[in-house]
Amino acid sequence: MGLFGKFAYSDGRWSTGGPTAVPFLLVDVHDSGIATVDYRLADASGGRFYLGYEPRVYFDEPEAAPPVDTAAEAEGFARWVREASGREVDPAEARQLMAASDGAPPTDEVVELTVDRLAELAGLPPLDWPTDADAYAG
């Protein structure tokens, strides 16, 4: 069994509770295979993308949701990074980390590694992943 948990980045730090300020980034890891990434900016705009696999691919339910527009989400995430940390991010670099809408397998064996790479790209501190299997549910 992989890791399950929700992690929020806001106000300069990661927490396992909800976000405490806007802008925020919310990462929901499901069985180390999918990470749902929600981001919000101060103007209440934001978006959602996936790391690892898109749920429609992971759960083999192609009609469950349309594929993510990774180009648009990469641009939105780059804007979020600029607002949240003042750092400039090339949207193409962010897009390379996102789940492939065609279902191609991810580069990383577990999605936590991709989350770490996304945090590093954005200039965020690394997550402190739980090591106790009982602590995975968040």
Protein backbone atom coordinates (compact mmCIF):
# COMPACT_ATOMS: atom_id res chain seq x y z
CA MET A 1 0.00 0.00 0.00
CA GLY A 2 1.26 3.45 -0.91
CA LEU A 3 0.99 6.75 0.86
CA PHE A 4 -2.34 8.55 1.30
CA GLY A 5 -2.34 12.10 2.62
CA LYS A 6 -3.13 15.78 2.12
CA PHE A 7 -0.45 18.42 2.38
CA ALA A 8 -0.95 22.17 2.17
CA TYR A 9 1.62 24.85 1.45
CA SER A 10 0.63 28.32 2.57
CA ASP A 11 2.07 31.14 4.61
CA GLY A 12 5.61 29.88 3.84
CA ARG A 13 5.29 26.35 5.19
CA TRP A 14 3.83 22.88 4.65
CA SER A 15 1.17 21.45 6.94
CA THR A 16 -1.08 18.41 7.03
CA GLY A 17 -4.10 20.52 7.83
CA GLY A 18 -5.81 22.83 5.40
CA PRO A 19 -4.19 25.94 4.01
CA THR A 20 -3.93 28.90 6.38
CA ALA A 21 -3.58 31.68 3.80
CA VAL A 22 -3.88 32.50 0.12
CA PRO A 23 -1.99 31.85 -2.09
CA PHE A 24 -1.91 28.15 -1.30
CA LEU A 25 -1.00 24.83 -2.84
CA LEU A 26 -2.86 21.69 -1.82
CA VAL A 27 -1.41 18.28 -2.68
CA ASP A 28 -3.57 15.18 -2.18
CA VAL A 29 -1.58 11.96 -2.61
CA HIS A 30 -3.50 8.77 -3.38
CA ASP A 31 -1.70 5.43 -2.99
CA SER A 32 1.63 6.92 -4.20
CA GLY A 33 0.24 6.80 -7.76
CA ILE A 34 -1.66 10.07 -8.10
CA ALA A 35 -1.19 13.51 -6.61
CA THR A 36 -3.98 16.00 -7.15
CA VAL A 37 -2.49 19.49 -7.08
CA ASP A 38 -4.83 22.43 -6.45
CA TYR A 39 -3.46 25.96 -6.41
CA ARG A 40 -5.16 29.25 -5.57
CA LEU A 41 -3.94 32.80 -5.96
CA ALA A 42 -4.89 35.86 -3.93
CA ASP A 43 -7.46 36.88 -6.60
CA ALA A 44 -9.22 33.49 -6.08
CA SER A 45 -8.11 32.19 -9.47
CA GLY A 46 -6.31 28.90 -9.64
CA GLY A 47 -6.41 25.47 -11.12
CA ARG A 48 -5.88 21.76 -10.77
CA PHE A 49 -3.55 19.25 -12.33
CA TYR A 50 -2.23 15.80 -11.52
CA LEU A 51 1.14 14.23 -10.97
CA GLY A 52 1.71 10.54 -11.67
CA TYR A 53 -1.47 9.64 -13.51
CA GLU A 54 -4.73 11.43 -14.16
CA PRO A 55 -7.48 9.69 -12.15
CA ARG A 56 -9.40 8.77 -15.33
CA VAL A 57 -6.33 6.76 -16.41
CA TYR A 58 -5.37 5.38 -12.99
CA PHE A 59 -8.89 4.11 -12.28
CA ASP A 60 -9.49 3.12 -15.93
CA GLU A 61 -12.56 5.37 -16.23
CA PRO A 62 -11.83 7.41 -19.38
CA GLU A 63 -15.23 9.10 -19.38
CA ALA A 64 -14.93 10.29 -15.77
CA ALA A 65 -13.35 13.62 -16.72
CA PRO A 66 -11.81 15.32 -19.72
CA PRO A 67 -8.00 15.34 -19.99
CA VAL A 68 -6.25 18.19 -18.20
CA ASP A 69 -5.05 21.05 -20.41
CA THR A 70 -1.48 20.75 -19.16
CA ALA A 71 -0.26 23.77 -21.17
CA ALA A 72 -2.84 26.04 -19.51
CA GLU A 73 -2.23 24.53 -16.06
CA ALA A 74 1.53 24.91 -16.44
CA GLU A 75 1.04 28.62 -17.21
CA GLY A 76 -1.30 28.96 -14.23
CA PHE A 77 1.11 27.17 -11.92
CA ALA A 78 3.99 29.39 -13.08
CA ARG A 79 1.83 32.41 -12.20
CA TRP A 80 1.10 30.86 -8.79
CA VAL A 81 4.82 30.33 -8.13
CA ARG A 82 5.54 33.96 -9.08
CA GLU A 83 2.91 35.17 -6.60
CA ALA A 84 3.68 32.69 -3.82
CA SER A 85 7.47 32.78 -3.87
CA GLY A 86 8.55 35.52 -6.27
CA ARG A 87 10.38 32.93 -8.34
CA GLU A 88 10.14 32.66 -12.12
CA VAL A 89 9.36 29.16 -13.42
CA ASP A 90 9.40 28.06 -17.02
CA PRO A 91 5.92 26.60 -17.64
CA ALA A 92 7.52 23.93 -19.85
CA GLU A 93 9.45 22.61 -16.84
CA ALA A 94 6.26 22.40 -14.77
CA ARG A 95 4.44 20.70 -17.62
CA GLN A 96 7.09 17.96 -17.81
CA LEU A 97 6.20 16.95 -14.25
CA MET A 98 2.44 16.76 -14.86
CA ALA A 99 0.58 13.54 -15.56
CA ALA A 100 0.42 12.80 -19.28
CA SER A 101 -3.12 13.19 -20.58
CA ASP A 102 -2.55 10.25 -22.94
CA GLY A 103 -1.86 7.92 -19.99
CA ALA A 104 1.87 7.51 -20.58
CA PRO A 105 3.55 6.20 -17.42
CA PRO A 106 5.23 8.74 -15.15
CA THR A 107 9.00 8.99 -14.89
CA ASP A 108 9.10 8.59 -11.11
CA GLU A 109 8.33 5.27 -9.42
CA VAL A 110 6.21 6.94 -6.72
CA VAL A 111 4.41 10.25 -6.98
CA GLU A 112 6.07 11.60 -3.83
CA LEU A 113 9.29 11.95 -5.85
CA THR A 114 7.45 14.04 -8.44
CA VAL A 115 5.92 16.19 -5.69
CA ASP A 116 9.43 16.77 -4.35
CA ARG A 117 10.62 17.81 -7.82
CA LEU A 118 7.64 20.17 -8.20
CA ALA A 119 8.35 21.77 -4.81
CA GLU A 120 12.01 22.21 -5.72
CA LEU A 121 11.10 23.76 -9.07
CA ALA A 122 8.81 26.22 -7.29
CA GLY A 123 11.44 27.09 -4.68
CA LEU A 124 9.34 25.65 -1.86
CA PRO A 125 10.80 23.80 1.11
CA PRO A 126 10.71 20.02 0.80
CA LEU A 127 7.84 18.11 2.34
CA ASP A 128 8.45 16.09 5.45
CA TRP A 129 6.88 12.83 4.28
CA PRO A 130 5.45 10.51 6.96
CA THR A 131 7.55 7.44 7.63
CA ASP A 132 5.08 5.59 9.86
CA ALA A 133 2.56 3.61 7.78
CA ASP A 134 -0.11 4.42 10.37
CA ALA A 135 0.43 8.13 9.78
CA TYR A 136 -0.31 7.98 6.04
CA ALA A 137 -3.96 8.83 6.22
CA GLY A 138 -4.30 12.58 6.43
